[in-house]
């Protein structure tokens, strides 16, 4: 069973198709709270995975969960104050069955 919470509405379903996506975010994405914001949104939405800064100024992240929920998180990041994403690269990955948390990598 999987629980999704969107602000006030809570949906509980057992028939959700899980996906895993790897992202690279470019733009003003470091030193603006991107990892912190991503971490808290992912936890709130019940996603698993991780987020980390790269030495080239980009941010890398992996999200696992329902496709609509991941898309919602990405849309929220695009409209977060101080964050300015000007390019996103994305690829689908194999779901990790036993991943059960979201974290910040350093």
N, C-alpha and C. Protein backbone atom coordinates (compact mmCIF):
# COMPACT_ATOMS: atom_id res chain seq x y z
N UNK A 1 0.85 -1.17 0.00
CA UNK A 1 0.00 0.00 0.00
C UNK A 1 0.89 1.24 0.00
N UNK A 2 0.47 2.27 -0.67
CA UNK A 2 1.24 3.51 -0.84
C UNK A 2 0.35 4.67 -0.47
N UNK A 3 0.86 5.59 0.30
CA UNK A 3 0.07 6.74 0.76
C UNK A 3 0.62 8.00 0.13
N UNK A 4 -0.23 8.79 -0.49
CA UNK A 4 0.15 10.05 -1.11
C UNK A 4 -0.58 11.17 -0.40
N UNK A 5 0.14 12.21 -0.02
CA UNK A 5 -0.50 13.34 0.64
C UNK A 5 -0.24 14.61 -0.16
N UNK A 6 -1.29 15.26 -0.61
CA UNK A 6 -1.22 16.54 -1.31
C UNK A 6 -1.90 17.56 -0.42
N UNK A 7 -1.12 18.35 0.29
CA UNK A 7 -1.64 19.36 1.21
C UNK A 7 -2.69 18.77 2.14
N UNK A 8 -3.98 18.84 1.79
CA UNK A 8 -5.04 18.39 2.68
C UNK A 8 -5.56 17.00 2.29
N UNK A 9 -5.49 16.66 1.01
CA UNK A 9 -6.08 15.41 0.52
C UNK A 9 -5.09 14.26 0.69
N UNK A 10 -5.52 13.16 1.26
CA UNK A 10 -4.70 11.97 1.38
C UNK A 10 -5.34 10.85 0.57
N UNK A 11 -4.54 10.24 -0.29
CA UNK A 11 -5.01 9.15 -1.13
C UNK A 11 -4.20 7.91 -0.77
N UNK A 12 -4.86 6.81 -0.47
CA UNK A 12 -4.18 5.57 -0.18
C UNK A 12 -4.55 4.55 -1.25
N UNK A 13 -3.53 4.00 -1.92
CA UNK A 13 -3.77 3.05 -3.00
C UNK A 13 -2.76 1.91 -2.93
N UNK A 14 -3.15 0.77 -3.41
CA UNK A 14 -2.22 -0.35 -3.47
C UNK A 14 -1.87 -0.73 -4.91
N UNK A 15 -2.46 -0.04 -5.90
CA UNK A 15 -2.26 -0.38 -7.31
C UNK A 15 -1.38 0.62 -8.05
N UNK A 16 -0.53 1.31 -7.34
CA UNK A 16 0.31 2.35 -7.94
C UNK A 16 1.50 1.71 -8.66
N UNK A 17 1.77 2.20 -9.86
CA UNK A 17 2.94 1.76 -10.61
C UNK A 17 4.10 2.67 -10.24
N UNK A 18 5.13 2.08 -9.68
CA UNK A 18 6.30 2.84 -9.26
C UNK A 18 7.26 3.01 -10.43
N UNK A 19 7.89 4.19 -10.50
CA UNK A 19 8.94 4.44 -11.48
C UNK A 19 10.13 5.04 -10.75
N UNK A 20 11.27 5.06 -11.42
CA UNK A 20 12.47 5.69 -10.87
C UNK A 20 13.06 6.55 -11.97
N UNK A 21 13.38 7.80 -11.63
CA UNK A 21 13.96 8.72 -12.60
C UNK A 21 15.20 9.40 -12.03
N UNK A 22 16.18 9.55 -12.91
CA UNK A 22 17.42 10.26 -12.59
C UNK A 22 17.36 11.62 -13.26
N UNK A 23 17.68 12.68 -12.53
CA UNK A 23 17.61 14.05 -13.05
C UNK A 23 18.94 14.77 -12.86
N UNK A 24 19.22 15.67 -13.80
CA UNK A 24 20.27 16.68 -13.66
C UNK A 24 19.59 18.02 -13.85
N UNK A 25 19.77 18.92 -12.89
CA UNK A 25 19.18 20.26 -12.93
C UNK A 25 20.30 21.28 -13.11
N UNK A 26 20.10 22.19 -14.05
CA UNK A 26 21.08 23.24 -14.34
C UNK A 26 20.42 24.60 -14.15
N UNK A 27 21.23 25.61 -13.86
CA UNK A 27 20.74 26.96 -13.65
C UNK A 27 21.21 27.46 -12.29
N UNK A 28 20.41 28.29 -11.66
CA UNK A 28 20.72 28.75 -10.29
C UNK A 28 20.11 27.73 -9.34
N UNK A 29 20.85 26.64 -9.10
CA UNK A 29 20.34 25.52 -8.32
C UNK A 29 21.22 25.18 -7.12
N UNK A 30 22.33 25.87 -6.95
CA UNK A 30 23.16 25.67 -5.76
C UNK A 30 23.18 26.96 -4.95
N UNK A 31 23.29 26.79 -3.63
CA UNK A 31 23.30 27.91 -2.68
C UNK A 31 21.99 28.69 -2.67
N UNK A 32 20.89 28.01 -3.03
CA UNK A 32 19.56 28.63 -3.01
C UNK A 32 18.54 27.75 -2.28
N UNK A 33 19.03 26.72 -1.56
CA UNK A 33 18.13 25.84 -0.82
C UNK A 33 17.51 24.74 -1.66
N UNK A 34 18.09 24.45 -2.82
CA UNK A 34 17.51 23.45 -3.72
C UNK A 34 17.46 22.07 -3.08
N UNK A 35 18.57 21.61 -2.50
CA UNK A 35 18.59 20.27 -1.88
C UNK A 35 17.63 20.19 -0.70
N UNK A 36 17.64 21.22 0.14
CA UNK A 36 16.76 21.27 1.31
C UNK A 36 15.30 21.23 0.88
N UNK A 37 14.94 22.05 -0.11
CA UNK A 37 13.56 22.09 -0.63
C UNK A 37 13.18 20.75 -1.23
N UNK A 38 14.07 20.18 -2.04
CA UNK A 38 13.82 18.89 -2.67
C UNK A 38 13.61 17.80 -1.62
N UNK A 39 14.48 17.79 -0.62
CA UNK A 39 14.39 16.80 0.45
C UNK A 39 13.03 16.86 1.15
N UNK A 40 12.63 18.06 1.54
CA UNK A 40 11.37 18.19 2.28
C UNK A 40 10.15 17.89 1.41
N UNK A 41 10.17 18.30 0.15
CA UNK A 41 9.06 17.97 -0.75
C UNK A 41 8.98 16.46 -0.99
N UNK A 42 10.12 15.84 -1.25
CA UNK A 42 10.14 14.39 -1.52
C UNK A 42 9.63 13.61 -0.31
N UNK A 43 10.07 13.99 0.88
CA UNK A 43 9.62 13.32 2.11
C UNK A 43 8.11 13.51 2.29
N UNK A 44 7.64 14.73 2.09
CA UNK A 44 6.21 15.04 2.25
C UNK A 44 5.36 14.23 1.27
N UNK A 45 5.87 14.02 0.06
CA UNK A 45 5.13 13.33 -0.98
C UNK A 45 5.33 11.81 -0.97
N UNK A 46 6.17 11.32 -0.07
CA UNK A 46 6.38 9.88 0.04
C UNK A 46 7.30 9.29 -1.01
N UNK A 47 8.14 10.12 -1.62
CA UNK A 47 9.10 9.62 -2.61
C UNK A 47 10.35 9.10 -1.93
N UNK A 48 11.06 8.22 -2.60
CA UNK A 48 12.36 7.78 -2.12
C UNK A 48 13.42 8.22 -3.12
N UNK A 49 14.69 8.17 -2.70
CA UNK A 49 15.78 8.55 -3.59
C UNK A 49 16.78 9.43 -2.88
N UNK A 50 17.38 10.35 -3.63
CA UNK A 50 18.43 11.21 -3.08
C UNK A 50 18.63 12.44 -3.96
N UNK A 51 19.36 13.42 -3.41
CA UNK A 51 19.70 14.65 -4.13
C UNK A 51 21.11 15.05 -3.70
N UNK A 52 21.91 15.59 -4.64
CA UNK A 52 23.26 16.06 -4.28
C UNK A 52 23.75 17.13 -5.24
N UNK A 53 24.63 18.00 -4.74
CA UNK A 53 25.28 19.01 -5.56
C UNK A 53 26.42 18.36 -6.35
N UNK A 54 26.65 18.86 -7.56
CA UNK A 54 27.78 18.43 -8.37
C UNK A 54 28.81 19.55 -8.44
N UNK A 55 30.05 19.19 -8.71
CA UNK A 55 31.13 20.19 -8.75
C UNK A 55 30.98 21.17 -9.91
N UNK A 56 30.19 20.83 -10.93
CA UNK A 56 30.01 21.72 -12.08
C UNK A 56 28.89 22.74 -11.87
N UNK A 57 28.30 22.79 -10.67
CA UNK A 57 27.24 23.75 -10.37
C UNK A 57 25.83 23.21 -10.56
N UNK A 58 25.72 22.01 -11.11
CA UNK A 58 24.41 21.38 -11.30
C UNK A 58 24.01 20.63 -10.04
N UNK A 59 22.77 20.16 -10.02
CA UNK A 59 22.28 19.31 -8.95
C UNK A 59 21.78 18.01 -9.58
N UNK A 60 22.14 16.90 -8.96
CA UNK A 60 21.73 15.58 -9.43
C UNK A 60 20.73 15.00 -8.43
N UNK A 61 19.72 14.30 -8.94
CA UNK A 61 18.74 13.69 -8.05
C UNK A 61 18.15 12.43 -8.66
N UNK A 62 17.72 11.54 -7.80
CA UNK A 62 17.00 10.34 -8.21
C UNK A 62 15.72 10.28 -7.39
N UNK A 63 14.59 10.10 -8.06
CA UNK A 63 13.30 10.02 -7.39
C UNK A 63 12.63 8.71 -7.75
N UNK A 64 12.02 8.08 -6.77
CA UNK A 64 11.27 6.86 -7.01
C UNK A 64 9.89 7.00 -6.37
N UNK A 65 8.86 6.68 -7.15
CA UNK A 65 7.49 6.78 -6.68
C UNK A 65 6.54 6.78 -7.86
N UNK A 66 5.34 7.27 -7.64
CA UNK A 66 4.36 7.35 -8.72
C UNK A 66 4.74 8.49 -9.67
N UNK A 67 4.59 8.27 -10.96
CA UNK A 67 4.98 9.26 -11.97
C UNK A 67 4.34 10.62 -11.73
N UNK A 68 3.04 10.65 -11.42
CA UNK A 68 2.35 11.92 -11.19
C UNK A 68 2.93 12.68 -10.00
N UNK A 69 3.36 11.94 -9.00
CA UNK A 69 3.92 12.57 -7.80
C UNK A 69 5.30 13.16 -8.12
N UNK A 70 6.11 12.43 -8.87
CA UNK A 70 7.42 12.95 -9.28
C UNK A 70 7.23 14.19 -10.14
N UNK A 71 6.30 14.14 -11.08
CA UNK A 71 6.03 15.30 -11.94
C UNK A 71 5.57 16.50 -11.12
N UNK A 72 4.77 16.25 -10.10
CA UNK A 72 4.30 17.32 -9.20
C UNK A 72 5.50 17.96 -8.49
N UNK A 73 6.41 17.13 -7.97
CA UNK A 73 7.60 17.65 -7.28
C UNK A 73 8.44 18.51 -8.23
N UNK A 74 8.66 18.04 -9.44
CA UNK A 74 9.46 18.80 -10.42
C UNK A 74 8.80 20.14 -10.70
N UNK A 75 7.50 20.15 -10.87
CA UNK A 75 6.77 21.40 -11.11
C UNK A 75 6.91 22.36 -9.93
N UNK A 76 6.83 21.84 -8.72
CA UNK A 76 7.00 22.68 -7.53
C UNK A 76 8.40 23.29 -7.49
N UNK A 77 9.42 22.50 -7.82
CA UNK A 77 10.79 23.01 -7.84
C UNK A 77 10.95 24.13 -8.86
N UNK A 78 10.30 23.98 -10.00
CA UNK A 78 10.38 25.01 -11.06
C UNK A 78 9.78 26.34 -10.61
N UNK A 79 8.88 26.30 -9.65
CA UNK A 79 8.18 27.51 -9.21
C UNK A 79 8.54 27.92 -7.78
N UNK A 80 9.69 27.47 -7.30
CA UNK A 80 10.14 27.82 -5.95
C UNK A 80 10.99 29.08 -6.00
N UNK A 81 10.71 29.99 -5.07
CA UNK A 81 11.45 31.25 -5.00
C UNK A 81 12.95 30.99 -4.86
N UNK A 82 13.75 31.77 -5.52
CA UNK A 82 15.22 31.75 -5.52
C UNK A 82 15.82 30.68 -6.43
N UNK A 83 15.08 29.60 -6.70
CA UNK A 83 15.58 28.55 -7.59
C UNK A 83 15.23 28.94 -9.02
N UNK A 84 16.21 28.85 -9.92
CA UNK A 84 15.97 29.16 -11.33
C UNK A 84 16.55 28.03 -12.19
N UNK A 85 15.69 27.08 -12.54
CA UNK A 85 16.11 25.94 -13.37
C UNK A 85 16.00 26.35 -14.83
N UNK A 86 17.11 26.27 -15.57
CA UNK A 86 17.03 26.60 -17.00
C UNK A 86 17.22 25.39 -17.91
N UNK A 87 17.57 24.24 -17.32
CA UNK A 87 17.69 23.01 -18.11
C UNK A 87 17.54 21.81 -17.19
N UNK A 88 16.79 20.80 -17.66
CA UNK A 88 16.63 19.55 -16.92
C UNK A 88 16.92 18.39 -17.87
N UNK A 89 17.78 17.48 -17.42
CA UNK A 89 18.00 16.22 -18.14
C UNK A 89 17.40 15.11 -17.29
N UNK A 90 16.73 14.16 -17.95
CA UNK A 90 16.01 13.13 -17.21
C UNK A 90 16.14 11.79 -17.92
N UNK A 91 16.30 10.73 -17.15
CA UNK A 91 16.28 9.38 -17.72
C UNK A 91 15.59 8.43 -16.75
N UNK A 92 14.88 7.46 -17.30
CA UNK A 92 14.22 6.45 -16.48
C UNK A 92 15.22 5.37 -16.10
N UNK A 93 15.09 4.89 -14.87
CA UNK A 93 15.96 3.84 -14.35
C UNK A 93 15.11 2.68 -13.84
N UNK A 94 15.76 1.59 -13.54
CA UNK A 94 15.09 0.43 -12.95
C UNK A 94 14.72 0.75 -11.49
N UNK A 95 13.51 0.39 -11.10
CA UNK A 95 13.03 0.62 -9.73
C UNK A 95 13.86 -0.22 -8.76
N UNK A 96 14.24 0.40 -7.63
CA UNK A 96 14.94 -0.31 -6.56
C UNK A 96 13.89 -0.75 -5.54
N UNK A 97 13.63 -2.05 -5.48
CA UNK A 97 12.56 -2.58 -4.62
C UNK A 97 12.68 -2.20 -3.16
N UNK A 98 13.90 -2.19 -2.65
CA UNK A 98 14.07 -2.04 -1.20
C UNK A 98 14.46 -0.64 -0.76
N UNK A 99 14.44 0.32 -1.66
CA UNK A 99 14.72 1.70 -1.25
C UNK A 99 13.51 2.21 -0.48
N UNK A 100 13.75 2.80 0.69
CA UNK A 100 12.61 3.20 1.52
C UNK A 100 12.73 4.59 2.14
N UNK A 101 13.67 5.40 1.66
CA UNK A 101 13.83 6.73 2.25
C UNK A 101 14.37 7.70 1.20
N UNK A 102 14.35 8.97 1.53
CA UNK A 102 14.93 10.01 0.68
C UNK A 102 16.01 10.72 1.48
N UNK A 103 17.15 10.99 0.84
CA UNK A 103 18.24 11.63 1.56
C UNK A 103 19.01 12.63 0.72
N UNK A 104 19.85 13.40 1.40
CA UNK A 104 20.77 14.33 0.75
C UNK A 104 22.14 13.70 0.77
N UNK A 105 22.76 13.58 -0.41
CA UNK A 105 24.12 13.05 -0.50
C UNK A 105 25.10 14.22 -0.47
N UNK A 106 26.25 13.99 0.13
CA UNK A 106 27.29 15.01 0.20
C UNK A 106 28.55 14.52 -0.46
